[in-house]
Amino acid sequence: MTQTPRKKPSALTKQLLEFGPLLVFLAVYLYMRDATVTVAGTEYAGFVVAVVAFVPLQILSTIVLKLLTGELSRMQIATLILVIVLGVATVLFNDERLFKMKSTFIFGLFGILLFIGLWRGQSWLAFVLGQALPLDQEGWMILTKRMAWFFLIFAAMNEVVWRNFSTDVYVFWDTFGQMGVMFVFLMANYKLIEKHWIGER
């Protein structure tokens, strides 16, 4: 008995699933940033409340994305695990600094892993994104090296932001700033991708 091919979700649906939890996090934080919630005698700031709203939504959106597409990248799985671990730790220790380090851990880990792959003469980025970006081997190695450095610099940028600026600035960096920086990086590598593209045009 043959299986019916899984219909891919629309681009809008994927974007809502991927960025919806972040937008909810932003909305809850803006609404609660000057307030506190007391639970069992412990006061939780608005940022922690926003984390409590964000983590379950991130889990739910990832599950729905898996059901709709039939697959999750290793990057998505690793990101979800770190979000859950740091989200739970933030609430348990009532320390918002733990969640603010989320991007530091995520991008730092990805950068280190990509460099390990390069050291072994492999592009682990191609292993993760090969179906989405059909590039030749040379293109993947160049892009992987650039992405590895980018991830490490990105992790350092996150450390600078959360350690030196207000929580308001961090929240907007986390929701919009990071996406903007990532977009600029991808656009900066457009010519490389175009040059080494081996898929249909």
Protein backbone atom coordinates (compact mmCIF):
# COMPACT_ATOMS: atom_id res chain seq x y z
CA MET A 1 0.00 0.00 0.00
CA THR A 2 1.55 3.26 -1.14
CA GLN A 3 1.56 6.30 1.10
CA THR A 4 0.11 9.56 -0.12
CA PRO A 5 2.90 12.14 -0.39
CA ARG A 6 2.80 14.60 2.49
CA LYS A 7 1.64 18.03 1.36
CA LYS A 8 4.14 20.69 2.34
CA PRO A 9 2.79 23.59 4.41
CA SER A 10 2.71 27.04 2.84
CA ALA A 11 5.55 29.47 3.43
CA LEU A 12 3.23 31.61 5.58
CA THR A 13 2.30 28.63 7.76
CA LYS A 14 5.97 27.75 8.28
CA GLN A 15 6.82 31.35 9.18
CA LEU A 16 3.97 31.52 11.67
CA LEU A 17 5.13 28.30 13.31
CA GLU A 18 8.76 29.37 13.40
CA PHE A 19 8.32 32.99 14.49
CA GLY A 20 4.92 32.90 16.21
CA PRO A 21 6.31 31.84 19.62
CA LEU A 22 8.88 34.67 19.48
CA LEU A 23 6.17 37.23 18.75
CA VAL A 24 4.10 35.91 21.67
CA PHE A 25 7.21 36.15 23.87
CA LEU A 26 7.61 39.80 22.83
CA ALA A 27 3.92 40.60 23.41
CA VAL A 28 3.83 38.98 26.86
CA TYR A 29 7.05 40.72 27.89
CA LEU A 30 5.84 44.16 26.76
CA TYR A 31 2.58 43.62 28.65
CA MET A 32 4.25 42.29 31.81
CA ARG A 33 7.62 44.03 31.91
CA ASP A 34 6.70 46.37 34.77
CA ALA A 35 4.72 43.74 36.67
CA THR A 36 5.49 40.69 38.77
CA VAL A 37 3.63 37.45 39.38
CA THR A 38 3.81 35.76 42.76
CA VAL A 39 3.62 31.96 42.84
CA ALA A 40 4.10 30.00 46.07
CA GLY A 41 5.63 33.04 47.71
CA THR A 42 8.15 33.68 44.91
CA GLU A 43 7.96 36.79 42.75
CA TYR A 44 8.60 36.33 39.03
CA ALA A 45 9.40 39.30 36.80
CA GLY A 46 7.63 39.88 33.51
CA PHE A 47 10.58 38.46 31.55
CA VAL A 48 10.30 35.12 33.34
CA VAL A 49 6.54 35.09 32.73
CA ALA A 50 7.23 35.65 29.03
CA VAL A 51 9.63 32.68 29.08
CA VAL A 52 6.90 30.53 30.65
CA ALA A 53 4.61 31.49 27.75
CA PHE A 54 7.30 31.00 25.11
CA VAL A 55 8.69 27.56 25.91
CA PRO A 56 5.43 25.53 25.63
CA LEU A 57 4.54 27.40 22.42
CA GLN A 58 7.96 26.60 20.98
CA ILE A 59 7.46 22.93 21.81
CA LEU A 60 3.96 22.94 20.28
CA SER A 61 5.05 24.76 17.11
CA THR A 62 7.93 22.31 16.63
CA ILE A 63 5.60 19.33 17.01
CA VAL A 64 3.13 20.83 14.52
CA LEU A 65 5.97 21.57 12.09
CA LYS A 66 7.10 17.96 12.39
CA LEU A 67 3.57 16.69 11.71
CA LEU A 68 3.15 18.96 8.69
CA THR A 69 6.56 18.45 7.08
CA GLY A 70 7.41 14.98 8.34
CA GLU A 71 10.91 16.07 9.33
CA LEU A 72 12.97 18.25 11.62
CA SER A 73 16.58 19.26 11.09
CA ARG A 74 19.17 18.44 13.74
CA MET A 75 19.58 22.18 14.18
CA GLN A 76 15.88 22.55 15.04
CA ILE A 77 16.04 19.65 17.50
CA ALA A 78 19.18 20.98 19.22
CA THR A 79 17.65 24.46 19.44
CA LEU A 80 14.46 23.09 21.00
CA ILE A 81 16.40 21.08 23.59
CA LEU A 82 18.42 24.14 24.65
CA VAL A 83 15.28 26.29 24.78
CA ILE A 84 13.59 23.76 27.08
CA VAL A 85 16.63 23.29 29.33
CA LEU A 86 17.37 27.01 29.70
CA GLY A 87 13.68 27.89 29.99
CA VAL A 88 13.11 25.43 32.81
CA ALA A 89 16.34 26.54 34.54
CA THR A 90 15.26 30.18 34.27
CA VAL A 91 12.01 29.45 36.08
CA LEU A 92 13.50 27.08 38.67
CA PHE A 93 16.27 29.50 39.63
CA ASN A 94 14.18 32.60 38.90
CA ASP A 95 17.14 34.02 37.02
CA GLU A 96 16.47 35.64 33.65
CA ARG A 97 20.18 35.68 32.81
CA LEU A 98 20.03 31.96 32.03
CA PHE A 99 17.52 32.42 29.22
CA LYS A 100 19.33 35.48 27.91
CA MET A 101 22.32 33.20 27.29
CA LYS A 102 20.18 30.98 25.03
CA SER A 103 21.57 32.36 21.77
CA THR A 104 25.11 32.25 23.16
CA PHE A 105 24.83 28.50 23.77
CA ILE A 106 22.93 27.75 20.58
CA PHE A 107 25.11 29.65 18.13
CA GLY A 108 28.30 28.91 20.01
CA LEU A 109 27.53 25.19 19.85
CA PHE A 110 26.69 25.33 16.14
CA GLY A 111 29.88 27.24 15.38
CA ILE A 112 32.05 24.76 17.27
CA LEU A 113 30.37 21.79 15.58
CA LEU A 114 30.86 23.28 12.13
CA PHE A 115 34.56 23.85 12.84
CA ILE A 116 34.89 20.23 14.02
CA GLY A 117 33.39 19.11 10.72
CA LEU A 118 35.75 21.35 8.75
CA TRP A 119 38.71 19.97 10.71
CA ARG A 120 37.60 16.52 9.54
CA GLY A 121 37.31 17.76 5.96
CA GLN A 122 33.50 17.66 6.01
CA SER A 123 30.70 20.16 5.71
CA TRP A 124 28.19 19.29 8.42
CA LEU A 125 26.16 22.27 7.22
CA ALA A 126 25.60 20.42 3.95
CA PHE A 127 24.44 17.41 5.97
CA VAL A 128 21.77 19.59 7.60
CA LEU A 129 20.77 21.87 4.72
CA GLY A 130 21.75 19.85 1.66
CA GLN A 131 18.19 19.37 0.45
CA ALA A 132 17.32 23.05 0.81
CA LEU A 133 20.54 24.36 -0.80
CA PRO A 134 21.89 22.14 -3.59
CA LEU A 135 25.50 23.37 -3.78
CA ASP A 136 28.67 21.74 -5.02
CA GLN A 137 31.30 20.55 -2.51
CA GLU A 138 33.51 23.63 -2.87
CA GLY A 139 30.53 25.91 -2.22
CA TRP A 140 29.54 23.99 0.89
CA MET A 141 33.03 24.13 2.35
CA ILE A 142 33.31 27.89 1.81
CA LEU A 143 29.82 28.56 3.15
CA THR A 144 30.41 26.29 6.15
CA LYS A 145 33.60 28.13 7.10
CA ARG A 146 31.84 31.48 6.84
CA MET A 147 28.84 30.20 8.80
CA ALA A 148 31.05 28.76 11.55
CA TRP A 149 32.76 32.11 12.10
CA PHE A 150 29.41 33.88 11.85
CA PHE A 151 27.87 31.68 14.56
CA LEU A 152 30.78 32.31 16.95
CA ILE A 153 30.63 36.07 16.33
CA PHE A 154 26.85 35.94 16.71
CA ALA A 155 27.22 34.21 20.09
CA ALA A 156 29.69 36.91 21.18
CA MET A 157 27.26 39.61 20.03
CA ASN A 158 24.54 38.10 22.19
CA GLU A 159 26.86 38.20 25.20
CA VAL A 160 27.59 41.89 24.56
CA VAL A 161 23.90 42.74 24.25
CA TRP A 162 22.52 40.99 27.32
CA ARG A 163 25.43 41.92 29.58
CA ASN A 164 25.61 45.61 28.64
CA PHE A 165 22.09 46.68 27.71
CA SER A 166 18.65 46.73 29.30
CA THR A 167 16.22 43.82 29.16
CA ASP A 168 14.07 45.86 26.76
CA VAL A 169 16.98 46.09 24.32
CA TYR A 170 17.73 42.38 24.73
CA VAL A 171 14.13 41.35 23.99
CA PHE A 172 14.04 43.34 20.75
CA TRP A 173 17.47 41.97 19.84
CA ASP A 174 16.23 38.44 20.48
CA THR A 175 13.03 38.84 18.47
CA PHE A 176 13.99 41.15 15.61
CA GLY A 177 17.71 41.98 15.78
CA GLN A 178 18.94 38.42 15.37
CA MET A 179 16.67 37.80 12.39
CA GLY A 180 17.94 41.01 10.80
CA VAL A 181 21.59 40.07 11.27
CA MET A 182 20.94 36.59 9.88
CA PHE A 183 19.19 38.07 6.83
CA VAL A 184 22.14 40.40 6.16
CA PHE A 185 24.54 37.45 6.42
CA LEU A 186 22.52 35.38 3.96
CA MET A 187 22.29 38.27 1.51
CA ALA A 188 26.05 38.80 1.79
CA ASN A 189 26.53 35.18 0.66
CA TYR A 190 24.06 35.33 -2.21
CA LYS A 191 26.75 35.48 -4.89
CA LEU A 192 28.56 32.49 -3.37
CA ILE A 193 25.35 30.46 -3.34
CA GLU A 194 24.54 31.51 -6.90
CA LYS A 195 28.03 30.62 -8.13
CA HIS A 196 28.04 27.12 -6.62
CA TRP A 197 24.33 26.30 -7.14
CA ILE A 198 23.84 22.92 -8.84
CA GLY A 199 20.05 22.64 -8.57
CA GLU A 200 17.44 23.70 -11.09
CA ARG A 201 17.30 27.40 -11.82
